[in-house]
Amino acid sequence: MNEILTPKKTDLGWVIQVPPEMAQGMGVAEGSLAVLHPKPSGLDVEILPPPSQELKESVRRVHDKYREAFEEMKRLGD
């Protein structure tokens, strides 16, 4: 495992994709995400499974249906 894991900051915490070798060793699905929650004594880790094909298709349909609204929200920003 020579790749560098680069976490992304989200509202949930810091998120990294679990490398395939680590997923296999942990007994979780390949493509799972690890959400890291920092706390004073260390880290809490939550493993999220990869999204199902049904969920991916549902998100794509919603995105396509409301594309213009999403573009406008992005243009306006926070």
PDB file of N, CA and C in Angstrom:
ATOM      1  N   MET A   1       0.851  -1.174   0.000  1.00  0.00           N
ATOM      2  CA  MET A   1       0.000   0.000   0.000  1.00  0.00           C
ATOM      3  C   MET A   1       0.896   1.235   0.000  1.00  0.00           C
ATOM      4  N   ASN A   2       1.253   1.686  -1.179  1.00  0.00           N
ATOM      5  CA  ASN A   2       2.160   2.820  -1.313  1.00  0.00           C
ATOM      6  C   ASN A   2       1.439   4.127  -1.604  1.00  0.00           C
ATOM      7  N   GLU A   3       0.132   4.074  -1.803  1.00  0.00           N
ATOM      8  CA  GLU A   3      -0.592   5.295  -2.119  1.00  0.00           C
ATOM      9  C   GLU A   3      -0.759   6.157  -0.870  1.00  0.00           C
ATOM     10  N   ILE A   4      -0.879   7.452  -1.099  1.00  0.00           N
ATOM     11  CA  ILE A   4      -1.079   8.387   0.000  1.00  0.00           C
ATOM     12  C   ILE A   4      -2.575   8.631   0.140  1.00  0.00           C
ATOM     13  N   LEU A   5      -3.097   8.494   1.365  1.00  0.00           N
ATOM     14  CA  LEU A   5      -4.498   8.740   1.620  1.00  0.00           C
ATOM     15  C   LEU A   5      -4.682  10.218   1.933  1.00  0.00           C
ATOM     16  N   THR A   6      -5.488  10.886   1.148  1.00  0.00           N
ATOM     17  CA  THR A   6      -5.723  12.300   1.354  1.00  0.00           C
ATOM     18  C   THR A   6      -7.159  12.497   1.822  1.00  0.00           C
ATOM     19  N   PRO A   7      -7.364  12.802   3.087  1.00  0.00           N
ATOM     20  CA  PRO A   7      -8.731  12.995   3.582  1.00  0.00           C
ATOM     21  C   PRO A   7      -9.332  14.288   3.047  1.00  0.00           C
ATOM     22  N   LYS A   8     -10.658  14.279   2.920  1.00  0.00           N
ATOM     23  CA  LYS A   8     -11.401  15.465   2.503  1.00  0.00           C
ATOM     24  C   LYS A   8     -12.275  15.888   3.670  1.00  0.00           C
ATOM     25  N   LYS A   9     -12.237  17.172   4.006  1.00  0.00           N
ATOM     26  CA  LYS A   9     -13.036  17.711   5.103  1.00  0.00           C
ATOM     27  C   LYS A   9     -14.476  17.869   4.648  1.00  0.00           C
ATOM     28  N   THR A  10     -15.412  17.352   5.434  1.00  0.00           N
ATOM     29  CA  THR A  10     -16.842  17.497   5.157  1.00  0.00           C
ATOM     30  C   THR A  10     -17.547  17.881   6.447  1.00  0.00           C
ATOM     31  N   ASP A  11     -18.851  18.057   6.369  1.00  0.00           N
ATOM     32  CA  ASP A  11     -19.637  18.328   7.576  1.00  0.00           C
ATOM     33  C   ASP A  11     -19.662  17.119   8.496  1.00  0.00           C
ATOM     34  N   LEU A  12     -19.435  15.918   7.930  1.00  0.00           N
ATOM     35  CA  LEU A  12     -19.439  14.693   8.730  1.00  0.00           C
ATOM     36  C   LEU A  12     -18.144  14.503   9.502  1.00  0.00           C
ATOM     37  N   GLY A  13     -17.045  15.034   8.993  1.00  0.00           N
ATOM     38  CA  GLY A  13     -15.713  14.817   9.549  1.00  0.00           C
ATOM     39  C   GLY A  13     -14.727  14.746   8.398  1.00  0.00           C
ATOM     40  N   TRP A  14     -13.623  14.055   8.598  1.00  0.00           N
ATOM     41  CA  TRP A  14     -12.651  13.858   7.531  1.00  0.00           C
ATOM     42  C   TRP A  14     -12.960  12.520   6.873  1.00  0.00           C
ATOM     43  N   VAL A  15     -13.019  12.500   5.535  1.00  0.00           N
ATOM     44  CA  VAL A  15     -13.424  11.300   4.803  1.00  0.00           C
ATOM     45  C   VAL A  15     -12.281  10.824   3.918  1.00  0.00           C
ATOM     46  N   ILE A  16     -12.021   9.510   3.980  1.00  0.00           N
ATOM     47  CA  ILE A  16     -11.045   8.901   3.067  1.00  0.00           C
ATOM     48  C   ILE A  16     -11.667   7.641   2.476  1.00  0.00           C
ATOM     49  N   GLN A  17     -11.257   7.317   1.253  1.00  0.00           N
ATOM     50  CA  GLN A  17     -11.677   6.055   0.671  1.00  0.00           C
ATOM     51  C   GLN A  17     -10.774   4.965   1.232  1.00  0.00           C
ATOM     52  N   VAL A  18     -11.381   3.876   1.681  1.00  0.00           N
ATOM     53  CA  VAL A  18     -10.619   2.772   2.249  1.00  0.00           C
ATOM     54  C   VAL A  18      -9.922   2.037   1.100  1.00  0.00           C
ATOM     55  N   PRO A  19      -8.582   1.932   1.126  1.00  0.00           N
ATOM     56  CA  PRO A  19      -7.866   1.218   0.063  1.00  0.00           C
ATOM     57  C   PRO A  19      -8.320  -0.249   0.000  1.00  0.00           C
ATOM     58  N   PRO A  20      -8.304  -0.848  -1.198  1.00  0.00           N
ATOM     59  CA  PRO A  20      -8.779  -2.228  -1.360  1.00  0.00           C
ATOM     60  C   PRO A  20      -8.130  -3.221  -0.403  1.00  0.00           C
ATOM     61  N   GLU A  21      -6.809  -3.117  -0.198  1.00  0.00           N
ATOM     62  CA  GLU A  21      -6.118  -4.054   0.698  1.00  0.00           C
ATOM     63  C   GLU A  21      -6.624  -3.922   2.131  1.00  0.00           C
ATOM     64  N   MET A  22      -6.876  -2.684   2.553  1.00  0.00           N
ATOM     65  CA  MET A  22      -7.351  -2.432   3.899  1.00  0.00           C
ATOM     66  C   MET A  22      -8.804  -2.912   4.036  1.00  0.00           C
ATOM     67  N   ALA A  23      -9.624  -2.668   3.012  1.00  0.00           N
ATOM     68  CA  ALA A  23     -11.018  -3.114   3.033  1.00  0.00           C
ATOM     69  C   ALA A  23     -11.080  -4.630   3.180  1.00  0.00           C
ATOM     70  N   GLN A  24     -10.234  -5.323   2.433  1.00  0.00           N
ATOM     71  CA  GLN A  24     -10.198  -6.773   2.504  1.00  0.00           C
ATOM     72  C   GLN A  24      -9.789  -7.228   3.907  1.00  0.00           C
ATOM     73  N   GLY A  25      -8.789  -6.603   4.456  1.00  0.00           N
ATOM     74  CA  GLY A  25      -8.312  -6.956   5.788  1.00  0.00           C
ATOM     75  C   GLY A  25      -9.342  -6.673   6.872  1.00  0.00           C
ATOM     76  N   MET A  26     -10.168  -5.648   6.660  1.00  0.00           N
ATOM     77  CA  MET A  26     -11.194  -5.272   7.642  1.00  0.00           C
ATOM     78  C   MET A  26     -12.497  -6.034   7.420  1.00  0.00           C
ATOM     79  N   GLY A  27     -12.619  -6.679   6.265  1.00  0.00           N
ATOM     80  CA  GLY A  27     -13.852  -7.394   5.959  1.00  0.00           C
ATOM     81  C   GLY A  27     -15.000  -6.495   5.564  1.00  0.00           C
ATOM     82  N   VAL A  28     -14.678  -5.352   4.933  1.00  0.00           N
ATOM     83  CA  VAL A  28     -15.721  -4.438   4.451  1.00  0.00           C
ATOM     84  C   VAL A  28     -15.682  -4.400   2.932  1.00  0.00           C
ATOM     85  N   ALA A  29     -16.731  -3.883   2.330  1.00  0.00           N
ATOM     86  CA  ALA A  29     -16.834  -3.836   0.874  1.00  0.00           C
ATOM     87  C   ALA A  29     -15.782  -2.899   0.284  1.00  0.00           C
ATOM     88  N   GLU A  30     -15.229  -3.313  -0.849  1.00  0.00           N
ATOM     89  CA  GLU A  30     -14.299  -2.448  -1.568  1.00  0.00           C
ATOM     90  C   GLU A  30     -15.052  -1.205  -2.025  1.00  0.00           C
ATOM     91  N   GLY A  31     -14.443  -0.035  -1.909  1.00  0.00           N
ATOM     92  CA  GLY A  31     -15.100   1.225  -2.237  1.00  0.00           C
ATOM     93  C   GLY A  31     -15.744   1.887  -1.029  1.00  0.00           C
ATOM     94  N   SER A  32     -15.607   1.266   0.150  1.00  0.00           N
ATOM     95  CA  SER A  32     -16.150   1.857   1.372  1.00  0.00           C
ATOM     96  C   SER A  32     -15.400   3.138   1.718  1.00  0.00           C
ATOM     97  N   LEU A  33     -16.049   3.983   2.504  1.00  0.00           N
ATOM     98  CA  LEU A  33     -15.447   5.226   2.964  1.00  0.00           C
ATOM     99  C   LEU A  33     -15.270   5.161   4.474  1.00  0.00           C
ATOM    100  N   ALA A  34     -14.197   5.754   4.959  1.00  0.00           N
ATOM    101  CA  ALA A  34     -13.969   5.888   6.393  1.00  0.00           C
ATOM    102  C   ALA A  34     -14.161   7.357   6.756  1.00  0.00           C
ATOM    103  N   VAL A  35     -15.023   7.607   7.718  1.00  0.00           N
ATOM    104  CA  VAL A  35     -15.244   8.963   8.213  1.00  0.00           C
ATOM    105  C   VAL A  35     -14.549   9.058   9.565  1.00  0.00           C
ATOM    106  N   LEU A  36     -13.601   9.976   9.669  1.00  0.00           N
ATOM    107  CA  LEU A  36     -12.803  10.155  10.883  1.00  0.00           C
ATOM    108  C   LEU A  36     -13.369  11.318  11.684  1.00  0.00           C
ATOM    109  N   HIS A  37     -13.682  11.042  12.945  1.00  0.00           N
ATOM    110  CA  HIS A  37     -14.199  12.064  13.848  1.00  0.00           C
ATOM    111  C   HIS A  37     -13.153  12.308  14.933  1.00  0.00           C
ATOM    112  N   PRO A  38     -12.429  13.439  14.875  1.00  0.00           N
ATOM    113  CA  PRO A  38     -11.420  13.702  15.903  1.00  0.00           C
ATOM    114  C   PRO A  38     -12.060  13.979  17.251  1.00  0.00           C
ATOM    115  N   LYS A  39     -11.398  13.515  18.306  1.00  0.00           N
ATOM    116  CA  LYS A  39     -11.818  13.791  19.676  1.00  0.00           C
ATOM    117  C   LYS A  39     -10.556  13.906  20.518  1.00  0.00           C
ATOM    118  N   PRO A  40     -10.629  14.451  21.707  1.00  0.00           N
ATOM    119  CA  PRO A  40      -9.421  14.681  22.512  1.00  0.00           C
ATOM    120  C   PRO A  40      -8.554  13.434  22.733  1.00  0.00           C
ATOM    121  N   SER A  41      -9.161  12.275  22.860  1.00  0.00           N
ATOM    122  CA  SER A  41      -8.376  11.074  23.146  1.00  0.00           C
ATOM    123  C   SER A  41      -7.966  10.299  21.897  1.00  0.00           C
ATOM    124  N   GLY A  42      -8.315  10.773  20.720  1.00  0.00           N
ATOM    125  CA  GLY A  42      -7.942  10.070  19.483  1.00  0.00           C
ATOM    126  C   GLY A  42      -8.958  10.277  18.385  1.00  0.00           C
ATOM    127  N   LEU A  43      -9.243   9.204  17.640  1.00  0.00           N
ATOM    128  CA  LEU A  43     -10.178   9.279  16.524  1.00  0.00           C
ATOM    129  C   LEU A  43     -11.275   8.240  16.675  1.00  0.00           C
ATOM    130  N   ASP A  44     -12.486   8.629  16.328  1.00  0.00           N
ATOM    131  CA  ASP A  44     -13.558   7.667  16.122  1.00  0.00           C
ATOM    132  C   ASP A  44     -13.635   7.465  14.622  1.00  0.00           C
ATOM    133  N   VAL A  45     -13.802   6.223  14.198  1.00  0.00           N
ATOM    134  CA  VAL A  45     -13.872   5.918  12.772  1.00  0.00           C
ATOM    135  C   VAL A  45     -15.200   5.241  12.478  1.00  0.00           C
ATOM    136  N   GLU A  46     -15.884   5.754  11.470  1.00  0.00           N
ATOM    137  CA  GLU A  46     -17.138   5.166  11.023  1.00  0.00           C
ATOM    138  C   GLU A  46     -16.929   4.692   9.588  1.00  0.00           C
ATOM    139  N   ILE A  47     -17.274   3.446   9.291  1.00  0.00           N
ATOM    140  CA  ILE A  47     -17.117   2.904   7.941  1.00  0.00           C
ATOM    141  C   ILE A  47     -18.464   2.960   7.243  1.00  0.00           C
ATOM    142  N   LEU A  48     -18.503   3.623   6.087  1.00  0.00           N
ATOM    143  CA  LEU A  48     -19.716   3.708   5.287  1.00  0.00           C
ATOM    144  C   LEU A  48     -19.546   2.825   4.057  1.00  0.00           C
ATOM    145  N   PRO A  49     -20.529   1.985   3.754  1.00  0.00           N
ATOM    146  CA  PRO A  49     -20.425   1.131   2.570  1.00  0.00           C
ATOM    147  C   PRO A  49     -20.545   1.972   1.303  1.00  0.00           C
ATOM    148  N   PRO A  50     -20.070   1.438   0.177  1.00  0.00           N
ATOM    149  CA  PRO A  50     -20.223   2.179  -1.078  1.00  0.00           C
ATOM    150  C   PRO A  50     -21.701   2.287  -1.434  1.00  0.00           C
ATOM    151  N   PRO A  51     -22.086   3.331  -2.167  1.00  0.00           N
ATOM    152  CA  PRO A  51     -23.495   3.474  -2.540  1.00  0.00           C
ATOM    153  C   PRO A  51     -23.918   2.369  -3.508  1.00  0.00           C
ATOM    154  N   SER A  52     -25.165   1.954  -3.395  1.00  0.00           N
ATOM    155  CA  SER A  52     -25.700   0.937  -4.298  1.00  0.00           C
ATOM    156  C   SER A  52     -25.912   1.541  -5.686  1.00  0.00           C
ATOM    157  N   GLN A  53     -26.032   0.688  -6.672  1.00  0.00           N
ATOM    158  CA  GLN A  53     -26.292   1.154  -8.036  1.00  0.00           C
ATOM    159  C   GLN A  53     -27.625   1.898  -8.075  1.00  0.00           C
ATOM    160  N   GLU A  54     -28.609   1.405  -7.322  1.00  0.00           N
ATOM    161  CA  GLU A  54     -29.926   2.049  -7.269  1.00  0.00           C
ATOM    162  C   GLU A  54     -29.814   3.469  -6.728  1.00  0.00           C
ATOM    163  N   LEU A  55     -29.013   3.660  -5.687  1.00  0.00           N
ATOM    164  CA  LEU A  55     -28.826   4.998  -5.125  1.00  0.00           C
ATOM    165  C   LEU A  55     -28.125   5.911  -6.121  1.00  0.00           C
ATOM    166  N   LYS A  56     -27.099   5.402  -6.789  1.00  0.00           N
ATOM    167  CA  LYS A  56     -26.378   6.206  -7.784  1.00  0.00           C
ATOM    168  C   LYS A  56     -27.325   6.668  -8.890  1.00  0.00           C
ATOM    169  N   GLU A  57     -28.186   5.761  -9.366  1.00  0.00           N
ATOM    170  CA  GLU A  57     -29.125   6.104 -10.432  1.00  0.00           C
ATOM    171  C   GLU A  57     -30.155   7.123  -9.945  1.00  0.00           C
ATOM    172  N   SER A  58     -30.608   6.978  -8.712  1.00  0.00           N
ATOM    173  CA  SER A  58     -31.569   7.914  -8.146  1.00  0.00           C
ATOM    174  C   SER A  58     -30.970   9.320  -8.043  1.00  0.00           C
ATOM    175  N   VAL A  59     -29.740   9.402  -7.571  1.00  0.00           N
ATOM    176  CA  VAL A  59     -29.060  10.696  -7.460  1.00  0.00           C
ATOM    177  C   VAL A  59     -28.884  11.319  -8.842  1.00  0.00           C
ATOM    178  N   ARG A  60     -28.518  10.508  -9.818  1.00  0.00           N
ATOM    179  CA  ARG A  60     -28.336  11.008 -11.186  1.00  0.00           C
ATOM    180  C   ARG A  60     -29.659  11.566 -11.729  1.00  0.00           C
ATOM    181  N   ARG A  61     -30.784  10.868 -11.487  1.00  0.00           N
ATOM    182  CA  ARG A  61     -32.094  11.341 -11.966  1.00  0.00           C
ATOM    183  C   ARG A  61     -32.453  12.681 -11.324  1.00  0.00           C
ATOM    184  N   VAL A  62     -32.252  12.790 -10.008  1.00  0.00           N
ATOM    185  CA  VAL A  62     -32.565  14.045  -9.311  1.00  0.00           C
ATOM    186  C   VAL A  62     -31.668  15.164  -9.823  1.00  0.00           C
ATOM    187  N   HIS A  63     -30.384  14.863  -9.999  1.00  0.00           N
ATOM    188  CA  HIS A  63     -29.442  15.869 -10.498  1.00  0.00           C
ATOM    189  C   HIS A  63     -29.856  16.352 -11.882  1.00  0.00           C
ATOM    190  N   ASP A  64     -30.195  15.405 -12.764  1.00  0.00           N
ATOM    191  CA  ASP A  64     -30.600  15.784 -14.121  1.00  0.00           C
ATOM    192  C   ASP A  64     -31.892  16.603 -14.105  1.00  0.00           C
ATOM    193  N   LYS A  65     -32.844  16.221 -13.250  1.00  0.00           N
ATOM    194  CA  LYS A  65     -34.132  16.912 -13.184  1.00  0.00           C
ATOM    195  C   LYS A  65     -33.980  18.355 -12.699  1.00  0.00           C
ATOM    196  N   TYR A  66     -33.099  18.564 -11.726  1.00  0.00           N
ATOM    197  CA  TYR A  66     -32.937  19.895 -11.131  1.00  0.00           C
ATOM    198  C   TYR A  66     -31.606  20.555 -11.476  1.00  0.00           C
ATOM    199  N   ARG A  67     -31.025  20.153 -12.600  1.00  0.00           N
ATOM    200  CA  ARG A  67     -29.713  20.663 -13.010  1.00  0.00           C
ATOM    201  C   ARG A  67     -29.645  22.185 -12.979  1.00  0.00           C
ATOM    202  N   GLU A  68     -30.632  22.847 -13.572  1.00  0.00           N
ATOM    203  CA  GLU A  68     -30.592  24.314 -13.637  1.00  0.00           C
ATOM    204  C   GLU A  68     -30.629  24.938 -12.242  1.00  0.00           C
ATOM    205  N   ALA A  69     -31.438  24.381 -11.349  1.00  0.00           N
ATOM    206  CA  ALA A  69     -31.511  24.916  -9.988  1.00  0.00           C
ATOM    207  C   ALA A  69     -30.179  24.726  -9.270  1.00  0.00           C
ATOM    208  N   PHE A  70     -29.555  23.552  -9.436  1.00  0.00           N
ATOM    209  CA  PHE A  70     -28.253  23.305  -8.802  1.00  0.00           C
ATOM    210  C   PHE A  70     -27.184  24.254  -9.354  1.00  0.00           C
ATOM    211  N   GLU A  71     -27.208  24.491 -10.657  1.00  0.00           N
ATOM    212  CA  GLU A  71     -26.249  25.421 -11.265  1.00  0.00           C
ATOM    213  C   GLU A  71     -26.419  26.819 -10.720  1.00  0.00           C
ATOM    214  N   GLU A  72     -27.702  27.247 -10.543  1.00  0.00           N
ATOM    215  CA  GLU A  72     -27.972  28.578 -10.004  1.00  0.00           C
ATOM    216  C   GLU A  72     -27.511  28.683  -8.556  1.00  0.00           C
ATOM    217  N   MET A  73     -27.765  27.647  -7.754  1.00  0.00           N
ATOM    218  CA  MET A  73     -27.298  27.667  -6.355  1.00  0.00           C
ATOM    219  C   MET A  73     -25.770  27.725  -6.298  1.00  0.00           C
ATOM    220  N   LYS A  74     -25.120  26.993  -7.174  1.00  0.00           N
ATOM    221  CA  LYS A  74     -23.658  27.016  -7.211  1.00  0.00           C
ATOM    222  C   LYS A  74     -23.163  28.401  -7.604  1.00  0.00           C
ATOM    223  N   ARG A  75     -23.842  29.024  -8.581  1.00  0.00           N
ATOM    224  CA  ARG A  75     -23.452  30.355  -9.034  1.00  0.00           C
ATOM    225  C   ARG A  75     -23.610  31.375  -7.899  1.00  0.00           C
ATOM    226  N   LEU A  76     -24.691  31.251  -7.127  1.00  0.00           N
ATOM    227  CA  LEU A  76     -24.952  32.199  -6.048  1.00  0.00           C
ATOM    228  C   LEU A  76     -24.043  31.976  -4.840  1.00  0.00           C
ATOM    229  N   GLY A  77     -23.596  30.743  -4.649  1.00  0.00           N
ATOM    230  CA  GLY A  77     -22.698  30.438  -3.530  1.00  0.00           C
ATOM    231  C   GLY A  77     -23.442  30.392  -2.211  1.00  0.00           C
ATOM    232  N   ASP A  78     -22.678  30.516  -1.130  1.00  0.00           N
ATOM    233  CA  ASP A  78     -23.281  30.444   0.209  1.00  0.00           C
ATOM    234  C   ASP A  78     -24.047  31.696   0.428  1.00  0.00           C
TER     235      ASP A  78
END
